[in-house]
Amino acid sequence: MELNLPTWLTLMRIALIPVMVAIFYLPWAWTHILCAVIFSIAGITDWLDGYLARRLNQTTRFGAFLDPVADKLMVCVALVLIVQADPTPYVAISSAIIIGREITITSLREWMAQIGQRGKVEVSSLGKWKTTVQITAIIILLMSLDQAMQPLKTPGQVLLLVAAILTLWSMILYLRVAMPVLKNEGDQLTKNGDIPIMHHFKDMRE
């Protein structure tokens, strides 16, 4: 496994996660601002590693796997911290939607990769817009946890709600693309005699 510059940037993004969590709980007045700065740096490296990988022709399978993992870890951990500090319904529901979508689509991509159909669920332009809005909302919400930045709370919540809507929209688009493959796999299982598990339960009840 060769580690190039884009991959090192992705690994640095992952390494920033425990740093952000540790700083978040320090008893200092400006910790939330610093967390927003750290998350902003992570967001910049998210764009930079992809740009460098294409520019330097250093795209690798490991980098393609690691990059979305790093993104999802940063976003999910940051949302958990924000909900813990500000457990309002808008933030909690939006965060639950975003985290639930990330788990669902990650599982879908893994399964599609196993059957050689990974290319059908690649990141779309809508997914990139969704990620941009998510990162912006999280930065604003982290800053709003600072007493001097509380006026940013409402704009941050609105942006997070928009991010949740984009998240659901992009998930629906992914599932629509994957649905023919899912249906075909189910038909193949039935054709080969591997009856889906729900049919087994039905037979047991009868």
C-alpha atoms as a PDB file:
ATOM      1  CA  MET A   1       0.000   0.000   0.000  1.00  0.00           C
ATOM      2  CA  GLU A   2       1.581   3.253  -1.195  1.00  0.00           C
ATOM      3  CA  LEU A   3       0.872   6.412   0.772  1.00  0.00           C
ATOM      4  CA  ASN A   4       0.990   9.537  -1.379  1.00  0.00           C
ATOM      5  CA  LEU A   5       0.333  13.183  -0.494  1.00  0.00           C
ATOM      6  CA  PRO A   6      -3.475  13.062  -0.985  1.00  0.00           C
ATOM      7  CA  THR A   7      -3.691   9.958   1.211  1.00  0.00           C
ATOM      8  CA  TRP A   8      -1.591  11.587   3.925  1.00  0.00           C
ATOM      9  CA  LEU A   9      -3.972  14.559   3.885  1.00  0.00           C
ATOM     10  CA  THR A  10      -6.905  12.172   4.328  1.00  0.00           C
ATOM     11  CA  LEU A  11      -5.136  10.436   7.219  1.00  0.00           C
ATOM     12  CA  MET A  12      -4.464  13.839   8.781  1.00  0.00           C
ATOM     13  CA  ARG A  13      -8.195  14.569   8.573  1.00  0.00           C
ATOM     14  CA  ILE A  14      -8.917  11.389  10.513  1.00  0.00           C
ATOM     15  CA  ALA A  15      -6.204  12.234  13.067  1.00  0.00           C
ATOM     16  CA  LEU A  16      -7.881  15.605  13.686  1.00  0.00           C
ATOM     17  CA  ILE A  17     -11.035  13.885  14.991  1.00  0.00           C
ATOM     18  CA  PRO A  18      -9.730  12.927  18.483  1.00  0.00           C
ATOM     19  CA  VAL A  19      -7.976  16.300  18.676  1.00  0.00           C
ATOM     20  CA  MET A  20     -11.276  18.094  18.026  1.00  0.00           C
ATOM     21  CA  VAL A  21     -13.122  15.946  20.583  1.00  0.00           C
ATOM     22  CA  ALA A  22     -10.468  16.543  23.265  1.00  0.00           C
ATOM     23  CA  ILE A  23     -10.468  20.310  22.700  1.00  0.00           C
ATOM     24  CA  PHE A  24     -14.284  20.416  22.688  1.00  0.00           C
ATOM     25  CA  TYR A  25     -14.381  19.370  26.372  1.00  0.00           C
ATOM     26  CA  LEU A  26     -11.562  21.561  27.622  1.00  0.00           C
ATOM     27  CA  PRO A  27     -12.749  24.134  30.208  1.00  0.00           C
ATOM     28  CA  TRP A  28     -11.671  27.138  28.133  1.00  0.00           C
ATOM     29  CA  ALA A  29     -13.854  29.921  26.805  1.00  0.00           C
ATOM     30  CA  TRP A  30     -12.672  29.685  23.203  1.00  0.00           C
ATOM     31  CA  THR A  31     -12.647  25.884  22.737  1.00  0.00           C
ATOM     32  CA  HIS A  32     -15.687  25.818  20.457  1.00  0.00           C
ATOM     33  CA  ILE A  33     -14.165  28.430  18.156  1.00  0.00           C
ATOM     34  CA  LEU A  34     -10.999  26.326  17.981  1.00  0.00           C
ATOM     35  CA  CYS A  35     -13.088  23.243  17.161  1.00  0.00           C
ATOM     36  CA  ALA A  36     -14.705  25.189  14.316  1.00  0.00           C
ATOM     37  CA  VAL A  37     -11.233  26.098  13.042  1.00  0.00           C
ATOM     38  CA  ILE A  38     -10.117  22.455  13.202  1.00  0.00           C
ATOM     39  CA  PHE A  39     -13.250  21.333  11.376  1.00  0.00           C
ATOM     40  CA  SER A  40     -12.653  24.052   8.764  1.00  0.00           C
ATOM     41  CA  ILE A  41      -9.122  22.729   8.211  1.00  0.00           C
ATOM     42  CA  ALA A  42     -10.574  19.242   7.796  1.00  0.00           C
ATOM     43  CA  GLY A  43     -13.040  20.609   5.239  1.00  0.00           C
ATOM     44  CA  ILE A  44     -10.213  22.241   3.283  1.00  0.00           C
ATOM     45  CA  THR A  45      -8.191  19.017   3.230  1.00  0.00           C
ATOM     46  CA  ASP A  46     -11.316  17.215   2.013  1.00  0.00           C
ATOM     47  CA  TRP A  47     -11.279  19.380  -1.107  1.00  0.00           C
ATOM     48  CA  LEU A  48      -7.479  19.502  -1.362  1.00  0.00           C
ATOM     49  CA  ASP A  49      -6.772  15.763  -1.266  1.00  0.00           C
ATOM     50  CA  GLY A  50      -9.257  15.102  -4.067  1.00  0.00           C
ATOM     51  CA  TYR A  51      -7.861  17.966  -6.149  1.00  0.00           C
ATOM     52  CA  LEU A  52      -4.249  16.831  -5.673  1.00  0.00           C
ATOM     53  CA  ALA A  53      -5.105  13.203  -6.414  1.00  0.00           C
ATOM     54  CA  ARG A  54      -6.528  14.235  -9.781  1.00  0.00           C
ATOM     55  CA  ARG A  55      -3.944  16.921 -10.510  1.00  0.00           C
ATOM     56  CA  LEU A  56      -0.942  14.719  -9.684  1.00  0.00           C
ATOM     57  CA  ASN A  57      -2.554  11.584 -11.101  1.00  0.00           C
ATOM     58  CA  GLN A  58      -2.210   9.896  -7.697  1.00  0.00           C
ATOM     59  CA  THR A  59      -5.647   8.343  -7.362  1.00  0.00           C
ATOM     60  CA  THR A  60      -5.539   4.958  -5.616  1.00  0.00           C
ATOM     61  CA  ARG A  61      -8.113   2.408  -4.492  1.00  0.00           C
ATOM     62  CA  PHE A  62      -7.075   2.910  -0.877  1.00  0.00           C
ATOM     63  CA  GLY A  63      -7.470   6.678  -1.212  1.00  0.00           C
ATOM     64  CA  ALA A  64     -10.875   6.273  -2.879  1.00  0.00           C
ATOM     65  CA  PHE A  65     -11.949   4.080   0.059  1.00  0.00           C
ATOM     66  CA  LEU A  66     -10.436   6.229   2.804  1.00  0.00           C
ATOM     67  CA  ASP A  67     -11.614   9.668   1.646  1.00  0.00           C
ATOM     68  CA  PRO A  68     -15.384   9.154   2.154  1.00  0.00           C
ATOM     69  CA  VAL A  69     -14.690   7.299   5.421  1.00  0.00           C
ATOM     70  CA  ALA A  70     -12.769  10.308   6.746  1.00  0.00           C
ATOM     71  CA  ASP A  71     -15.548  12.667   5.638  1.00  0.00           C
ATOM     72  CA  LYS A  72     -18.277  10.673   7.345  1.00  0.00           C
ATOM     73  CA  LEU A  73     -16.285  10.251  10.558  1.00  0.00           C
ATOM     74  CA  MET A  74     -15.633  13.989  10.820  1.00  0.00           C
ATOM     75  CA  VAL A  75     -19.258  14.925  10.102  1.00  0.00           C
ATOM     76  CA  CYS A  76     -20.832  12.313  12.385  1.00  0.00           C
ATOM     77  CA  VAL A  77     -18.506  13.007  15.328  1.00  0.00           C
ATOM     78  CA  ALA A  78     -19.023  16.765  15.005  1.00  0.00           C
ATOM     79  CA  LEU A  79     -22.810  16.346  14.888  1.00  0.00           C
ATOM     80  CA  VAL A  80     -22.765  14.161  18.017  1.00  0.00           C
ATOM     81  CA  LEU A  81     -20.770  16.842  19.846  1.00  0.00           C
ATOM     82  CA  ILE A  82     -23.158  19.595  18.703  1.00  0.00           C
ATOM     83  CA  VAL A  83     -26.272  17.640  19.724  1.00  0.00           C
ATOM     84  CA  GLN A  84     -24.732  16.897  23.122  1.00  0.00           C
ATOM     85  CA  ALA A  85     -24.054  20.601  23.672  1.00  0.00           C
ATOM     86  CA  ASP A  86     -27.312  21.860  22.108  1.00  0.00           C
ATOM     87  CA  PRO A  87     -29.967  19.099  22.252  1.00  0.00           C
ATOM     88  CA  THR A  88     -32.709  21.032  20.457  1.00  0.00           C
ATOM     89  CA  PRO A  89     -35.220  19.110  18.290  1.00  0.00           C
ATOM     90  CA  TYR A  90     -34.153  20.818  15.042  1.00  0.00           C
ATOM     91  CA  VAL A  91     -30.489  19.941  15.536  1.00  0.00           C
ATOM     92  CA  ALA A  92     -31.158  16.434  16.866  1.00  0.00           C
ATOM     93  CA  ILE A  93     -33.579  15.426  14.088  1.00  0.00           C
ATOM     94  CA  SER A  94     -31.427  16.905  11.326  1.00  0.00           C
ATOM     95  CA  SER A  95     -28.345  15.180  12.743  1.00  0.00           C
ATOM     96  CA  ALA A  96     -30.158  11.843  13.012  1.00  0.00           C
ATOM     97  CA  ILE A  97     -31.221  12.111   9.355  1.00  0.00           C
ATOM     98  CA  ILE A  98     -27.694  12.923   8.202  1.00  0.00           C
ATOM     99  CA  ILE A  99     -26.010  10.182  10.254  1.00  0.00           C
ATOM    100  CA  GLY A 100     -28.659   7.616   9.277  1.00  0.00           C
ATOM    101  CA  ARG A 101     -28.218   8.449   5.598  1.00  0.00           C
ATOM    102  CA  GLU A 102     -24.443   8.130   5.808  1.00  0.00           C
ATOM    103  CA  ILE A 103     -24.740   4.647   7.335  1.00  0.00           C
ATOM    104  CA  THR A 104     -27.314   3.582   4.739  1.00  0.00           C
ATOM    105  CA  ILE A 105     -25.392   4.804   1.683  1.00  0.00           C
ATOM    106  CA  THR A 106     -22.070   3.492   2.988  1.00  0.00           C
ATOM    107  CA  SER A 107     -23.620   0.049   3.412  1.00  0.00           C
ATOM    108  CA  LEU A 108     -25.181   0.295  -0.046  1.00  0.00           C
ATOM    109  CA  ARG A 109     -21.857   1.219  -1.658  1.00  0.00           C
ATOM    110  CA  GLU A 110     -20.074  -1.627   0.109  1.00  0.00           C
ATOM    111  CA  TRP A 111     -22.655  -4.136  -1.080  1.00  0.00           C
ATOM    112  CA  MET A 112     -22.644  -2.730  -4.631  1.00  0.00           C
ATOM    113  CA  ALA A 113     -18.853  -2.995  -4.677  1.00  0.00           C
ATOM    114  CA  GLN A 114     -19.075  -6.665  -3.684  1.00  0.00           C
ATOM    115  CA  ILE A 115     -21.208  -7.417  -6.743  1.00  0.00           C
ATOM    116  CA  GLY A 116     -19.103  -5.275  -9.077  1.00  0.00           C
ATOM    117  CA  GLN A 117     -21.613  -2.410  -9.401  1.00  0.00           C
ATOM    118  CA  ARG A 118     -19.816   0.248  -7.346  1.00  0.00           C
ATOM    119  CA  GLY A 119     -19.706   2.662 -10.295  1.00  0.00           C
ATOM    120  CA  LYS A 120     -23.484   3.049 -10.216  1.00  0.00           C
ATOM    121  CA  VAL A 121     -23.419   4.713  -6.782  1.00  0.00           C
ATOM    122  CA  GLU A 122     -20.523   7.109  -7.208  1.00  0.00           C
ATOM    123  CA  VAL A 123     -20.647  10.564  -5.621  1.00  0.00           C
ATOM    124  CA  SER A 124     -22.959  12.883  -7.579  1.00  0.00           C
ATOM    125  CA  SER A 125     -22.928  16.671  -7.911  1.00  0.00           C
ATOM    126  CA  LEU A 126     -25.844  16.792  -5.475  1.00  0.00           C
ATOM    127  CA  GLY A 127     -23.763  14.805  -2.990  1.00  0.00           C
ATOM    128  CA  LYS A 128     -21.002  17.401  -3.244  1.00  0.00           C
ATOM    129  CA  TRP A 129     -23.481  20.227  -2.625  1.00  0.00           C
ATOM    130  CA  LYS A 130     -24.863  18.289   0.314  1.00  0.00           C
ATOM    131  CA  THR A 131     -21.382  17.890   1.789  1.00  0.00           C
ATOM    132  CA  THR A 132     -20.617  21.601   1.315  1.00  0.00           C
ATOM    133  CA  VAL A 133     -23.812  22.669   3.104  1.00  0.00           C
ATOM    134  CA  GLN A 134     -23.174  20.128   5.890  1.00  0.00           C
ATOM    135  CA  ILE A 135     -19.641  21.391   6.503  1.00  0.00           C
ATOM    136  CA  THR A 136     -20.760  25.035   6.473  1.00  0.00           C
ATOM    137  CA  ALA A 137     -23.635  24.328   8.886  1.00  0.00           C
ATOM    138  CA  ILE A 138     -21.398  22.414  11.292  1.00  0.00           C
ATOM    139  CA  ILE A 139     -18.766  25.166  11.322  1.00  0.00           C
ATOM    140  CA  ILE A 140     -21.426  27.790  12.084  1.00  0.00           C
ATOM    141  CA  LEU A 141     -23.050  25.650  14.797  1.00  0.00           C
ATOM    142  CA  LEU A 142     -19.700  24.947  16.465  1.00  0.00           C
ATOM    143  CA  MET A 143     -18.984  28.670  16.520  1.00  0.00           C
ATOM    144  CA  SER A 144     -22.484  29.418  17.857  1.00  0.00           C
ATOM    145  CA  LEU A 145     -21.712  27.349  20.969  1.00  0.00           C
ATOM    146  CA  ASP A 146     -19.366  30.157  21.995  1.00  0.00           C
ATOM    147  CA  GLN A 147     -21.217  32.731  24.063  1.00  0.00           C
ATOM    148  CA  ALA A 148     -20.100  35.626  21.860  1.00  0.00           C
ATOM    149  CA  MET A 149     -21.271  33.832  18.715  1.00  0.00           C
ATOM    150  CA  GLN A 150     -24.769  32.782  19.818  1.00  0.00           C
ATOM    151  CA  PRO A 151     -26.513  34.885  17.099  1.00  0.00           C
ATOM    152  CA  LEU A 152     -25.142  32.348  14.604  1.00  0.00           C
ATOM    153  CA  LYS A 153     -27.232  29.569  16.145  1.00  0.00           C
ATOM    154  CA  THR A 154     -30.401  30.116  14.072  1.00  0.00           C
ATOM    155  CA  PRO A 155     -28.610  30.423  10.703  1.00  0.00           C
ATOM    156  CA  GLY A 156     -26.647  27.276  11.586  1.00  0.00           C
ATOM    157  CA  GLN A 157     -29.809  25.362  12.423  1.00  0.00           C
ATOM    158  CA  VAL A 158     -31.467  26.467   9.175  1.00  0.00           C
ATOM    159  CA  LEU A 159     -28.433  25.380   7.153  1.00  0.00           C
ATOM    160  CA  LEU A 160     -28.344  22.041   8.955  1.00  0.00           C
ATOM    161  CA  LEU A 161     -32.018  21.509   8.117  1.00  0.00           C
ATOM    162  CA  VAL A 162     -31.261  22.308   4.462  1.00  0.00           C
ATOM    163  CA  ALA A 163     -28.376  19.823   4.628  1.00  0.00           C
ATOM    164  CA  ALA A 164     -30.740  17.173   6.016  1.00  0.00           C
ATOM    165  CA  ILE A 165     -33.194  17.770   3.152  1.00  0.00           C
ATOM    166  CA  LEU A 166     -30.385  17.515   0.577  1.00  0.00           C
ATOM    167  CA  THR A 167     -29.206  14.389   2.381  1.00  0.00           C
ATOM    168  CA  LEU A 168     -32.600  12.707   2.009  1.00  0.00           C
ATOM    169  CA  TRP A 169     -32.853  13.821  -1.606  1.00  0.00           C
ATOM    170  CA  SER A 170     -29.435  12.427  -2.518  1.00  0.00           C
ATOM    171  CA  MET A 171     -30.230   9.159  -0.704  1.00  0.00           C
ATOM    172  CA  ILE A 172     -33.434   8.767  -2.735  1.00  0.00           C
ATOM    173  CA  LEU A 173     -31.463   9.326  -5.948  1.00  0.00           C
ATOM    174  CA  TYR A 174     -28.864   6.733  -4.916  1.00  0.00           C
ATOM    175  CA  LEU A 175     -31.569   4.196  -4.068  1.00  0.00           C
ATOM    176  CA  ARG A 176     -33.366   4.826  -7.374  1.00  0.00           C
ATOM    177  CA  VAL A 177     -30.134   4.088  -9.263  1.00  0.00           C
ATOM    178  CA  ALA A 178     -29.426   0.994  -7.171  1.00  0.00           C
ATOM    179  CA  MET A 179     -32.986  -0.361  -7.184  1.00  0.00           C
ATOM    180  CA  PRO A 180     -32.738  -2.220 -10.537  1.00  0.00           C
ATOM    181  CA  VAL A 181     -29.571  -3.929  -9.315  1.00  0.00           C
ATOM    182  CA  LEU A 182     -31.197  -4.813  -5.993  1.00  0.00           C
ATOM    183  CA  LYS A 183     -34.223  -6.226  -7.804  1.00  0.00           C
ATOM    184  CA  ASN A 184     -32.049  -8.188 -10.215  1.00  0.00           C
ATOM    185  CA  GLU A 185     -30.038  -9.684  -7.347  1.00  0.00           C
ATOM    186  CA  GLY A 186     -33.255 -10.693  -5.589  1.00  0.00           C
ATOM    187  CA  ASP A 187     -34.517 -12.350  -8.779  1.00  0.00           C
ATOM    188  CA  GLN A 188     -31.219 -14.203  -9.185  1.00  0.00           C
ATOM    189  CA  LEU A 189     -31.404 -15.495  -5.598  1.00  0.00           C
ATOM    190  CA  THR A 190     -34.908 -16.818  -6.185  1.00  0.00           C
ATOM    191  CA  LYS A 191     -33.948 -18.305  -9.559  1.00  0.00           C
ATOM    192  CA  ASN A 192     -30.963 -20.106  -8.041  1.00  0.00           C
ATOM    193  CA  GLY A 193     -33.073 -21.535  -5.248  1.00  0.00           C
ATOM    194  CA  ASP A 194     -31.703 -19.242  -2.533  1.00  0.00           C
ATOM    195  CA  ILE A 195     -35.079 -18.096  -1.251  1.00  0.00           C
ATOM    196  CA  PRO A 196     -34.901 -14.808   0.697  1.00  0.00           C
ATOM    197  CA  ILE A 197     -35.064 -15.160   4.458  1.00  0.00           C
ATOM    198  CA  MET A 198     -38.524 -13.587   4.708  1.00  0.00           C
ATOM    199  CA  HIS A 199     -39.904 -16.505   2.688  1.00  0.00           C
ATOM    200  CA  HIS A 200     -38.392 -18.901   5.223  1.00  0.00           C
ATOM    201  CA  PHE A 201     -40.208 -17.102   8.024  1.00  0.00           C
ATOM    202  CA  LYS A 202     -43.437 -17.301   6.047  1.00  0.00           C
ATOM    203  CA  ASP A 203     -43.021 -21.054   5.578  1.00  0.00           C
ATOM    204  CA  MET A 204     -42.345 -21.499   9.299  1.00  0.00           C
ATOM    205  CA  ARG A 205     -45.552 -19.646  10.187  1.00  0.00           C
ATOM    206  CA  GLU A 206     -47.546 -21.808   7.812  1.00  0.00           C
END
